[in-house]
C-alpha atoms as a PDB file:
ATOM      1  CA  UNK A   1       2.228  16.063  52.886  1.00  0.00           C
ATOM      2  CA  UNK A   2       2.398  14.087  49.646  1.00  0.00           C
ATOM      3  CA  UNK A   3      -0.807  12.958  48.018  1.00  0.00           C
ATOM      4  CA  UNK A   4      -0.844   9.148  48.029  1.00  0.00           C
ATOM      5  CA  UNK A   5      -3.513   8.915  45.327  1.00  0.00           C
ATOM      6  CA  UNK A   6      -2.338   7.621  41.974  1.00  0.00           C
ATOM      7  CA  UNK A   7      -2.190  10.225  39.267  1.00  0.00           C
ATOM      8  CA  UNK A   8      -4.415   9.540  36.279  1.00  0.00           C
ATOM      9  CA  UNK A   9      -3.104  10.157  32.782  1.00  0.00           C
ATOM     10  CA  UNK A  10      -6.120  11.963  31.365  1.00  0.00           C
ATOM     11  CA  UNK A  11      -4.851  11.487  27.815  1.00  0.00           C
ATOM     12  CA  UNK A  12      -5.279   7.727  28.195  1.00  0.00           C
ATOM     13  CA  UNK A  13      -8.511   7.725  30.217  1.00  0.00           C
ATOM     14  CA  UNK A  14     -11.636   6.479  28.415  1.00  0.00           C
ATOM     15  CA  UNK A  15     -13.825   9.353  27.270  1.00  0.00           C
ATOM     16  CA  UNK A  16     -17.503   9.270  28.153  1.00  0.00           C
ATOM     17  CA  UNK A  17     -19.500  10.918  25.363  1.00  0.00           C
ATOM     18  CA  UNK A  18     -21.533  13.933  26.413  1.00  0.00           C
ATOM     19  CA  UNK A  19     -24.245  13.716  23.807  1.00  0.00           C
ATOM     20  CA  UNK A  20     -27.106  11.385  23.002  1.00  0.00           C
ATOM     21  CA  UNK A  21     -29.349  11.157  19.957  1.00  0.00           C
ATOM     22  CA  UNK A  22     -32.796  12.734  20.029  1.00  0.00           C
ATOM     23  CA  UNK A  23     -35.202  10.835  22.342  1.00  0.00           C
ATOM     24  CA  UNK A  24     -37.140   9.259  19.484  1.00  0.00           C
ATOM     25  CA  UNK A  25     -34.084   8.675  17.256  1.00  0.00           C
ATOM     26  CA  UNK A  26     -32.144   5.449  16.820  1.00  0.00           C
ATOM     27  CA  UNK A  27     -28.456   5.215  15.899  1.00  0.00           C
ATOM     28  CA  UNK A  28     -26.960   1.749  15.990  1.00  0.00           C
ATOM     29  CA  UNK A  29     -23.294   2.484  15.242  1.00  0.00           C
ATOM     30  CA  UNK A  30     -21.577   5.754  14.376  1.00  0.00           C
ATOM     31  CA  UNK A  31     -18.579   5.591  12.020  1.00  0.00           C
ATOM     32  CA  UNK A  32     -16.260   8.541  11.305  1.00  0.00           C
ATOM     33  CA  UNK A  33     -14.579   8.917   7.917  1.00  0.00           C
ATOM     34  CA  UNK A  34     -11.643  11.250   8.367  1.00  0.00           C
ATOM     35  CA  UNK A  35      -8.470  12.613   6.851  1.00  0.00           C
ATOM     36  CA  UNK A  36      -6.061  15.307   7.892  1.00  0.00           C
ATOM     37  CA  UNK A  37      -5.964  16.472   4.283  1.00  0.00           C
ATOM     38  CA  UNK A  38      -8.600  17.813   1.924  1.00  0.00           C
ATOM     39  CA  UNK A  39      -9.012  16.569  -1.631  1.00  0.00           C
ATOM     40  CA  UNK A  40      -8.199  12.923  -0.937  1.00  0.00           C
ATOM     41  CA  UNK A  41     -11.620  11.462  -1.735  1.00  0.00           C
ATOM     42  CA  UNK A  42     -13.009  11.405   1.777  1.00  0.00           C
ATOM     43  CA  UNK A  43     -16.553  12.306   0.739  1.00  0.00           C
ATOM     44  CA  UNK A  44     -16.552   9.632  -1.958  1.00  0.00           C
ATOM     45  CA  UNK A  45     -15.385   7.105   0.628  1.00  0.00           C
ATOM     46  CA  UNK A  46     -18.112   8.125   3.078  1.00  0.00           C
ATOM     47  CA  UNK A  47     -20.801   8.157   0.395  1.00  0.00           C
ATOM     48  CA  UNK A  48     -19.911   4.812  -1.158  1.00  0.00           C
ATOM     49  CA  UNK A  49     -19.512   3.082   2.198  1.00  0.00           C
ATOM     50  CA  UNK A  50     -23.068   4.210   2.948  1.00  0.00           C
ATOM     51  CA  UNK A  51     -24.182   2.793  -0.411  1.00  0.00           C
ATOM     52  CA  UNK A  52     -22.482  -0.559   0.245  1.00  0.00           C
ATOM     53  CA  UNK A  53     -23.975  -0.838   3.736  1.00  0.00           C
ATOM     54  CA  UNK A  54     -27.407   0.005   2.349  1.00  0.00           C
ATOM     55  CA  UNK A  55     -27.032  -2.765  -0.250  1.00  0.00           C
ATOM     56  CA  UNK A  56     -26.390  -5.171   2.614  1.00  0.00           C
ATOM     57  CA  UNK A  57     -29.872  -4.338   3.872  1.00  0.00           C
ATOM     58  CA  UNK A  58     -28.965  -1.991   6.715  1.00  0.00           C
ATOM     59  CA  UNK A  59     -30.628   1.319   7.470  1.00  0.00           C
ATOM     60  CA  UNK A  60     -27.953   3.940   6.843  1.00  0.00           C
ATOM     61  CA  UNK A  61     -27.523   7.657   7.354  1.00  0.00           C
ATOM     62  CA  UNK A  62     -24.797  10.180   6.517  1.00  0.00           C
ATOM     63  CA  UNK A  63     -24.047  13.109   8.796  1.00  0.00           C
ATOM     64  CA  UNK A  64     -22.162  15.635   6.679  1.00  0.00           C
ATOM     65  CA  UNK A  65     -19.850  17.172   9.296  1.00  0.00           C
ATOM     66  CA  UNK A  66     -17.914  19.182   6.718  1.00  0.00           C
ATOM     67  CA  UNK A  67     -20.059  22.213   7.507  1.00  0.00           C
ATOM     68  CA  UNK A  68     -18.291  24.779   5.302  1.00  0.00           C
ATOM     69  CA  UNK A  69     -17.475  22.405   2.428  1.00  0.00           C
ATOM     70  CA  UNK A  70     -20.401  19.964   2.196  1.00  0.00           C
ATOM     71  CA  UNK A  71     -20.297  17.444  -0.656  1.00  0.00           C
ATOM     72  CA  UNK A  72     -22.754  14.738   0.349  1.00  0.00           C
ATOM     73  CA  UNK A  73     -26.006  16.330  -0.962  1.00  0.00           C
ATOM     74  CA  UNK A  74     -24.336  16.829  -4.347  1.00  0.00           C
ATOM     75  CA  UNK A  75     -23.151  13.211  -4.508  1.00  0.00           C
ATOM     76  CA  UNK A  76     -26.691  11.929  -3.860  1.00  0.00           C
ATOM     77  CA  UNK A  77     -28.530  14.698  -5.726  1.00  0.00           C
ATOM     78  CA  UNK A  78     -30.689  15.614  -2.742  1.00  0.00           C
ATOM     79  CA  UNK A  79     -31.903  19.084  -1.929  1.00  0.00           C
ATOM     80  CA  UNK A  80     -33.438  20.924   1.014  1.00  0.00           C
ATOM     81  CA  UNK A  81     -34.967  22.482   2.824  1.00  0.00           C
ATOM     82  CA  UNK A  82     -35.245  19.827   5.512  1.00  0.00           C
ATOM     83  CA  UNK A  83     -38.448  19.506   7.493  1.00  0.00           C
ATOM     84  CA  UNK A  84     -38.717  20.016  11.230  1.00  0.00           C
ATOM     85  CA  UNK A  85     -41.163  18.542  13.724  1.00  0.00           C
ATOM     86  CA  UNK A  86     -43.271  20.547  16.162  1.00  0.00           C
ATOM     87  CA  UNK A  87     -40.624  19.700  18.780  1.00  0.00           C
ATOM     88  CA  UNK A  88     -38.045  21.373  16.504  1.00  0.00           C
ATOM     89  CA  UNK A  89     -36.168  18.210  15.555  1.00  0.00           C
ATOM     90  CA  UNK A  90     -34.806  17.964  12.024  1.00  0.00           C
ATOM     91  CA  UNK A  91     -36.068  15.242   9.693  1.00  0.00           C
ATOM     92  CA  UNK A  92     -33.222  13.998   7.463  1.00  0.00           C
ATOM     93  CA  UNK A  93     -33.630  14.017   3.690  1.00  0.00           C
ATOM     94  CA  UNK A  94     -33.876  10.529   2.180  1.00  0.00           C
ATOM     95  CA  UNK A  95     -32.129   9.471  -1.031  1.00  0.00           C
ATOM     96  CA  UNK A  96     -33.692   7.292  -3.722  1.00  0.00           C
ATOM     97  CA  UNK A  97     -32.404   4.088  -2.073  1.00  0.00           C
ATOM     98  CA  UNK A  98     -33.402   5.155   1.430  1.00  0.00           C
ATOM     99  CA  UNK A  99     -30.146   6.603   2.789  1.00  0.00           C
ATOM    100  CA  UNK A 100     -30.831   9.381   5.306  1.00  0.00           C
ATOM    101  CA  UNK A 101     -28.797  12.585   4.873  1.00  0.00           C
ATOM    102  CA  UNK A 102     -28.253  15.703   6.964  1.00  0.00           C
ATOM    103  CA  UNK A 103     -25.976  18.486   5.729  1.00  0.00           C
ATOM    104  CA  UNK A 104     -25.537  22.223   6.149  1.00  0.00           C
ATOM    105  CA  UNK A 105     -26.330  22.674   2.444  1.00  0.00           C
ATOM    106  CA  UNK A 106     -29.811  21.278   3.082  1.00  0.00           C
ATOM    107  CA  UNK A 107     -30.466  24.256   5.369  1.00  0.00           C
ATOM    108  CA  UNK A 108     -29.624  26.918   2.781  1.00  0.00           C
ATOM    109  CA  UNK A 109     -31.993  28.569   0.311  1.00  0.00           C
ATOM    110  CA  UNK A 110     -29.089  28.771  -2.139  1.00  0.00           C
ATOM    111  CA  UNK A 111     -26.705  25.779  -2.041  1.00  0.00           C
ATOM    112  CA  UNK A 112     -23.927  27.994  -3.458  1.00  0.00           C
ATOM    113  CA  UNK A 113     -24.147  30.357  -0.500  1.00  0.00           C
ATOM    114  CA  UNK A 114     -21.056  30.116   1.741  1.00  0.00           C
ATOM    115  CA  UNK A 115     -21.223  29.466   5.469  1.00  0.00           C
ATOM    116  CA  UNK A 116     -18.824  32.022   6.970  1.00  0.00           C
ATOM    117  CA  UNK A 117     -18.746  30.999  10.617  1.00  0.00           C
ATOM    118  CA  UNK A 118     -16.169  30.747  13.354  1.00  0.00           C
ATOM    119  CA  UNK A 119     -15.215  27.410  14.882  1.00  0.00           C
ATOM    120  CA  UNK A 120     -17.627  27.328  17.870  1.00  0.00           C
ATOM    121  CA  UNK A 121     -20.685  27.837  15.651  1.00  0.00           C
ATOM    122  CA  UNK A 122     -19.510  25.114  13.264  1.00  0.00           C
ATOM    123  CA  UNK A 123     -18.961  22.707  16.167  1.00  0.00           C
ATOM    124  CA  UNK A 124     -22.397  23.486  17.597  1.00  0.00           C
ATOM    125  CA  UNK A 125     -24.169  22.753  14.312  1.00  0.00           C
ATOM    126  CA  UNK A 126     -22.196  19.548  13.911  1.00  0.00           C
ATOM    127  CA  UNK A 127     -23.300  18.472  17.385  1.00  0.00           C
ATOM    128  CA  UNK A 128     -26.914  19.402  16.601  1.00  0.00           C
ATOM    129  CA  UNK A 129     -26.819  17.182  13.527  1.00  0.00           C
ATOM    130  CA  UNK A 130     -26.280  14.286  15.932  1.00  0.00           C
ATOM    131  CA  UNK A 131     -28.566  15.290  18.813  1.00  0.00           C
ATOM    132  CA  UNK A 132     -31.429  17.083  17.049  1.00  0.00           C
ATOM    133  CA  UNK A 133     -32.024  14.942  13.956  1.00  0.00           C
ATOM    134  CA  UNK A 134     -34.550  12.113  13.928  1.00  0.00           C
ATOM    135  CA  UNK A 135     -32.155   9.448  12.698  1.00  0.00           C
ATOM    136  CA  UNK A 136     -33.421   5.887  12.372  1.00  0.00           C
ATOM    137  CA  UNK A 137     -30.319   4.011  11.255  1.00  0.00           C
ATOM    138  CA  UNK A 138     -28.224   0.949  11.952  1.00  0.00           C
ATOM    139  CA  UNK A 139     -25.142   2.818  10.742  1.00  0.00           C
ATOM    140  CA  UNK A 140     -24.480   6.559  10.791  1.00  0.00           C
ATOM    141  CA  UNK A 141     -21.541   7.495   8.557  1.00  0.00           C
ATOM    142  CA  UNK A 142     -19.969  10.811   9.566  1.00  0.00           C
ATOM    143  CA  UNK A 143     -18.164  12.616   6.742  1.00  0.00           C
ATOM    144  CA  UNK A 144     -15.629  14.660   8.699  1.00  0.00           C
ATOM    145  CA  UNK A 145     -14.031  17.976   7.796  1.00  0.00           C
ATOM    146  CA  UNK A 146     -10.290  17.850   7.051  1.00  0.00           C
ATOM    147  CA  UNK A 147      -7.852  18.454   9.880  1.00  0.00           C
ATOM    148  CA  UNK A 148      -7.689  17.937  13.634  1.00  0.00           C
ATOM    149  CA  UNK A 149      -9.509  21.032  14.852  1.00  0.00           C
ATOM    150  CA  UNK A 150     -13.037  21.849  16.035  1.00  0.00           C
ATOM    151  CA  UNK A 151     -15.148  19.348  14.104  1.00  0.00           C
ATOM    152  CA  UNK A 152     -12.800  16.433  14.771  1.00  0.00           C
ATOM    153  CA  UNK A 153     -12.748  17.219  18.493  1.00  0.00           C
ATOM    154  CA  UNK A 154     -16.523  17.562  18.604  1.00  0.00           C
ATOM    155  CA  UNK A 155     -17.108  14.214  16.884  1.00  0.00           C
ATOM    156  CA  UNK A 156     -14.350  12.296  18.685  1.00  0.00           C
ATOM    157  CA  UNK A 157     -15.191  13.599  22.153  1.00  0.00           C
ATOM    158  CA  UNK A 158     -18.982  13.941  22.045  1.00  0.00           C
ATOM    159  CA  UNK A 159     -20.117  10.956  19.963  1.00  0.00           C
ATOM    160  CA  UNK A 160     -19.747   7.281  20.876  1.00  0.00           C
ATOM    161  CA  UNK A 161     -18.002   6.055  17.729  1.00  0.00           C
ATOM    162  CA  UNK A 162     -18.063   2.377  16.861  1.00  0.00           C
ATOM    163  CA  UNK A 163     -15.126   2.767  14.474  1.00  0.00           C
ATOM    164  CA  UNK A 164     -13.340   5.130  12.118  1.00  0.00           C
ATOM    165  CA  UNK A 165     -11.950   4.954   8.589  1.00  0.00           C
ATOM    166  CA  UNK A 166      -9.005   7.107   7.571  1.00  0.00           C
ATOM    167  CA  UNK A 167      -8.477   8.246   3.975  1.00  0.00           C
ATOM    168  CA  UNK A 168      -5.216   9.124   2.253  1.00  0.00           C
ATOM    169  CA  UNK A 169      -3.448   9.198  -1.116  1.00  0.00           C
ATOM    170  CA  UNK A 170       0.012   7.771  -1.907  1.00  0.00           C
ATOM    171  CA  UNK A 171       2.043  10.982  -1.592  1.00  0.00           C
ATOM    172  CA  UNK A 172       4.501  11.757   1.189  1.00  0.00           C
ATOM    173  CA  UNK A 173       3.071  15.202   1.883  1.00  0.00           C
ATOM    174  CA  UNK A 174      -0.457  13.823   2.171  1.00  0.00           C
ATOM    175  CA  UNK A 175       0.690  10.906   4.325  1.00  0.00           C
ATOM    176  CA  UNK A 176       2.441  13.282   6.709  1.00  0.00           C
ATOM    177  CA  UNK A 177      -0.752  15.304   7.239  1.00  0.00           C
ATOM    178  CA  UNK A 178      -2.990  12.222   7.431  1.00  0.00           C
ATOM    179  CA  UNK A 179      -0.645  10.795  10.078  1.00  0.00           C
ATOM    180  CA  UNK A 180      -1.758  13.639  12.345  1.00  0.00           C
ATOM    181  CA  UNK A 181      -5.390  12.506  12.167  1.00  0.00           C
ATOM    182  CA  UNK A 182      -4.389   8.918  12.864  1.00  0.00           C
ATOM    183  CA  UNK A 183      -2.387  10.052  15.891  1.00  0.00           C
ATOM    184  CA  UNK A 184      -5.337  12.121  17.108  1.00  0.00           C
ATOM    185  CA  UNK A 185      -7.625   9.102  16.846  1.00  0.00           C
ATOM    186  CA  UNK A 186      -5.146   7.101  18.908  1.00  0.00           C
ATOM    187  CA  UNK A 187      -4.964   9.856  21.552  1.00  0.00           C
ATOM    188  CA  UNK A 188      -8.753   9.877  21.929  1.00  0.00           C
ATOM    189  CA  UNK A 189      -9.144   6.068  21.815  1.00  0.00           C
ATOM    190  CA  UNK A 190     -11.102   6.050  18.549  1.00  0.00           C
ATOM    191  CA  UNK A 191     -10.732   2.605  16.890  1.00  0.00           C
ATOM    192  CA  UNK A 192      -9.308   2.922  13.378  1.00  0.00           C
ATOM    193  CA  UNK A 193     -10.375  -0.130  11.388  1.00  0.00           C
ATOM    194  CA  UNK A 194      -9.338   0.705   7.823  1.00  0.00           C
ATOM    195  CA  UNK A 195      -6.995   2.925   5.840  1.00  0.00           C
ATOM    196  CA  UNK A 196      -8.348   3.729   2.380  1.00  0.00           C
ATOM    197  CA  UNK A 197      -5.772   4.914  -0.132  1.00  0.00           C
ATOM    198  CA  UNK A 198      -7.561   6.789  -2.897  1.00  0.00           C
ATOM    199  CA  UNK A 199      -6.017   7.545  -6.308  1.00  0.00           C
ATOM    200  CA  UNK A 200      -3.615   4.696  -5.595  1.00  0.00           C
ATOM    201  CA  UNK A 201      -3.016   3.734  -9.225  1.00  0.00           C
ATOM    202  CA  UNK A 202      -4.494   3.776 -12.709  1.00  0.00           C
ATOM    203  CA  UNK A 203      -5.067   0.918 -15.133  1.00  0.00           C
ATOM    204  CA  UNK A 204      -3.918   1.265 -18.715  1.00  0.00           C
ATOM    205  CA  UNK A 205      -7.098   1.406 -20.842  1.00  0.00           C
ATOM    206  CA  UNK A 206      -5.438  -0.692 -23.563  1.00  0.00           C
ATOM    207  CA  UNK A 207      -3.620  -3.474 -21.719  1.00  0.00           C
ATOM    208  CA  UNK A 208      -4.958  -3.232 -18.161  1.00  0.00           C
ATOM    209  CA  UNK A 209      -1.475  -2.848 -16.663  1.00  0.00           C
ATOM    210  CA  UNK A 210      -1.369  -1.167 -13.260  1.00  0.00           C
ATOM    211  CA  UNK A 211       0.482   2.156 -13.267  1.00  0.00           C
ATOM    212  CA  UNK A 212       1.487   3.619  -9.891  1.00  0.00           C
ATOM    213  CA  UNK A 213       1.443   7.314 -10.754  1.00  0.00           C
ATOM    214  CA  UNK A 214       2.554   8.443  -7.298  1.00  0.00           C
ATOM    215  CA  UNK A 215       4.767   5.447  -6.600  1.00  0.00           C
ATOM    216  CA  UNK A 216       4.104   2.167  -4.854  1.00  0.00           C
ATOM    217  CA  UNK A 217       1.292   1.906  -2.306  1.00  0.00           C
ATOM    218  CA  UNK A 218       2.450   2.501   1.253  1.00  0.00           C
ATOM    219  CA  UNK A 219       0.598   0.971   4.202  1.00  0.00           C
ATOM    220  CA  UNK A 220       3.003   2.462   6.760  1.00  0.00           C
ATOM    221  CA  UNK A 221       0.308   4.480   8.523  1.00  0.00           C
ATOM    222  CA  UNK A 222      -1.847   1.357   8.754  1.00  0.00           C
ATOM    223  CA  UNK A 223       0.998  -0.742  10.179  1.00  0.00           C
ATOM    224  CA  UNK A 224       2.214   1.982  12.567  1.00  0.00           C
ATOM    225  CA  UNK A 225      -1.258   2.427  14.071  1.00  0.00           C
ATOM    226  CA  UNK A 226      -2.363  -1.193  13.996  1.00  0.00           C
ATOM    227  CA  UNK A 227      -5.088  -0.542  11.426  1.00  0.00           C
ATOM    228  CA  UNK A 228      -6.189  -4.009  10.288  1.00  0.00           C
ATOM    229  CA  UNK A 229      -7.499  -3.204   6.796  1.00  0.00           C
ATOM    230  CA  UNK A 230      -5.819  -1.402   3.909  1.00  0.00           C
ATOM    231  CA  UNK A 231      -7.935  -0.719   0.814  1.00  0.00           C
ATOM    232  CA  UNK A 232      -6.778   0.795  -2.458  1.00  0.00           C
ATOM    233  CA  UNK A 233      -9.037   2.765  -4.797  1.00  0.00           C
ATOM    234  CA  UNK A 234      -7.648   3.563  -8.275  1.00  0.00           C
ATOM    235  CA  UNK A 235      -8.278   6.532 -10.510  1.00  0.00           C
ATOM    236  CA  UNK A 236     -11.601   5.551 -12.036  1.00  0.00           C
ATOM    237  CA  UNK A 237     -13.612   7.727 -14.392  1.00  0.00           C
ATOM    238  CA  UNK A 238     -16.790   5.997 -13.241  1.00  0.00           C
ATOM    239  CA  UNK A 239     -16.305   7.303  -9.700  1.00  0.00           C
ATOM    240  CA  UNK A 240     -15.871  10.883 -10.872  1.00  0.00           C
ATOM    241  CA  UNK A 241     -18.811  10.587 -13.248  1.00  0.00           C
ATOM    242  CA  UNK A 242     -21.245   9.289 -10.650  1.00  0.00           C
ATOM    243  CA  UNK A 243     -20.129  11.806  -8.017  1.00  0.00           C
ATOM    244  CA  UNK A 244     -20.518  14.663 -10.517  1.00  0.00           C
ATOM    245  CA  UNK A 245     -23.949  13.477 -11.669  1.00  0.00           C
ATOM    246  CA  UNK A 246     -25.239  12.827  -8.158  1.00  0.00           C
ATOM    247  CA  UNK A 247     -25.742   9.150  -8.965  1.00  0.00           C
ATOM    248  CA  UNK A 248     -23.317   7.583  -6.490  1.00  0.00           C
ATOM    249  CA  UNK A 249     -25.996   5.008  -5.624  1.00  0.00           C
ATOM    250  CA  UNK A 250     -25.732   3.632  -9.187  1.00  0.00           C
ATOM    251  CA  UNK A 251     -21.969   3.022  -9.010  1.00  0.00           C
ATOM    252  CA  UNK A 252     -20.971  -0.644  -9.081  1.00  0.00           C
ATOM    253  CA  UNK A 253     -17.457  -1.435  -7.841  1.00  0.00           C
ATOM    254  CA  UNK A 254     -15.834  -3.522  -5.095  1.00  0.00           C
ATOM    255  CA  UNK A 255     -13.092  -1.128  -4.047  1.00  0.00           C
ATOM    256  CA  UNK A 256     -14.432  -0.537  -0.500  1.00  0.00           C
ATOM    257  CA  UNK A 257     -16.111  -3.881   0.117  1.00  0.00           C
ATOM    258  CA  UNK A 258     -13.594  -5.025   2.751  1.00  0.00           C
ATOM    259  CA  UNK A 259     -13.856  -1.735   4.610  1.00  0.00           C
ATOM    260  CA  UNK A 260     -17.662  -2.003   4.644  1.00  0.00           C
ATOM    261  CA  UNK A 261     -17.373  -5.556   6.015  1.00  0.00           C
ATOM    262  CA  UNK A 262     -14.960  -4.307   8.700  1.00  0.00           C
ATOM    263  CA  UNK A 263     -17.453  -1.621   9.769  1.00  0.00           C
ATOM    264  CA  UNK A 264     -20.135  -4.261  10.270  1.00  0.00           C
ATOM    265  CA  UNK A 265     -17.732  -6.516  12.187  1.00  0.00           C
ATOM    266  CA  UNK A 266     -16.629  -3.659  14.467  1.00  0.00           C
ATOM    267  CA  UNK A 267     -20.238  -2.777  15.287  1.00  0.00           C
ATOM    268  CA  UNK A 268     -21.031  -6.402  16.166  1.00  0.00           C
ATOM    269  CA  UNK A 269     -17.916  -6.604  18.357  1.00  0.00           C
ATOM    270  CA  UNK A 270     -18.962  -3.469  20.200  1.00  0.00           C
ATOM    271  CA  UNK A 271     -22.440  -4.901  20.825  1.00  0.00           C
ATOM    272  CA  UNK A 272     -20.915  -8.092  22.226  1.00  0.00           C
ATOM    273  CA  UNK A 273     -18.738  -6.100  24.643  1.00  0.00           C
ATOM    274  CA  UNK A 274     -21.746  -4.117  25.807  1.00  0.00           C
END
């Protein structure tokens, strides 16, 4: 006898997150910053978005989900070890402007020591950074690891994301790999609100003319996936300098302002729907 029940396409079904923050923690909106490719400026994007949101007066945290290649503590010049409560919850480290940070490097005695773990252990720690940290934030920025493997699945499937920002550079090879992350976000119903194209161009130091080193900017990924915002970030020595010095909170530029505004708007829209 045939089964009369309608078959459900599980790939399109809404995913109910498995995890919740620690009982005494507060996370208003979680935002993933992702890219299928490494070396595209994802950590800068995550760090500076946190800075911009903090300047707007919000309480902000950064969960460094790039467990084996953490950059966030270096960008903010914060060091561990992190404290833990008697209930064994982690207390995030706070930067000079009040941004809360949790990263695998804050758990190491030597920040140069590698973490040589297999995927399941990395995914577990990433999940613990969400469920076992005493966050008190309006926005939690999640700096993802490159690719579409364990960490991306853990974050996309286990955390209720308000929105996501995808990062690329204007090269065909990079765009092809980044496209995979965008497609993954679509598959798992994660709302992509902005595509940030880093290293998009450089300005001539003498005349100010824009020079497209890698060719003209391409918003094809944004248009193909219905991503409403497309931000360009040029080569800028100030960015590199502040990231290298751990003074990202002192950087003053407007490159990601629209993306930061979109994050706030997406969080408000989600609250209205709830």
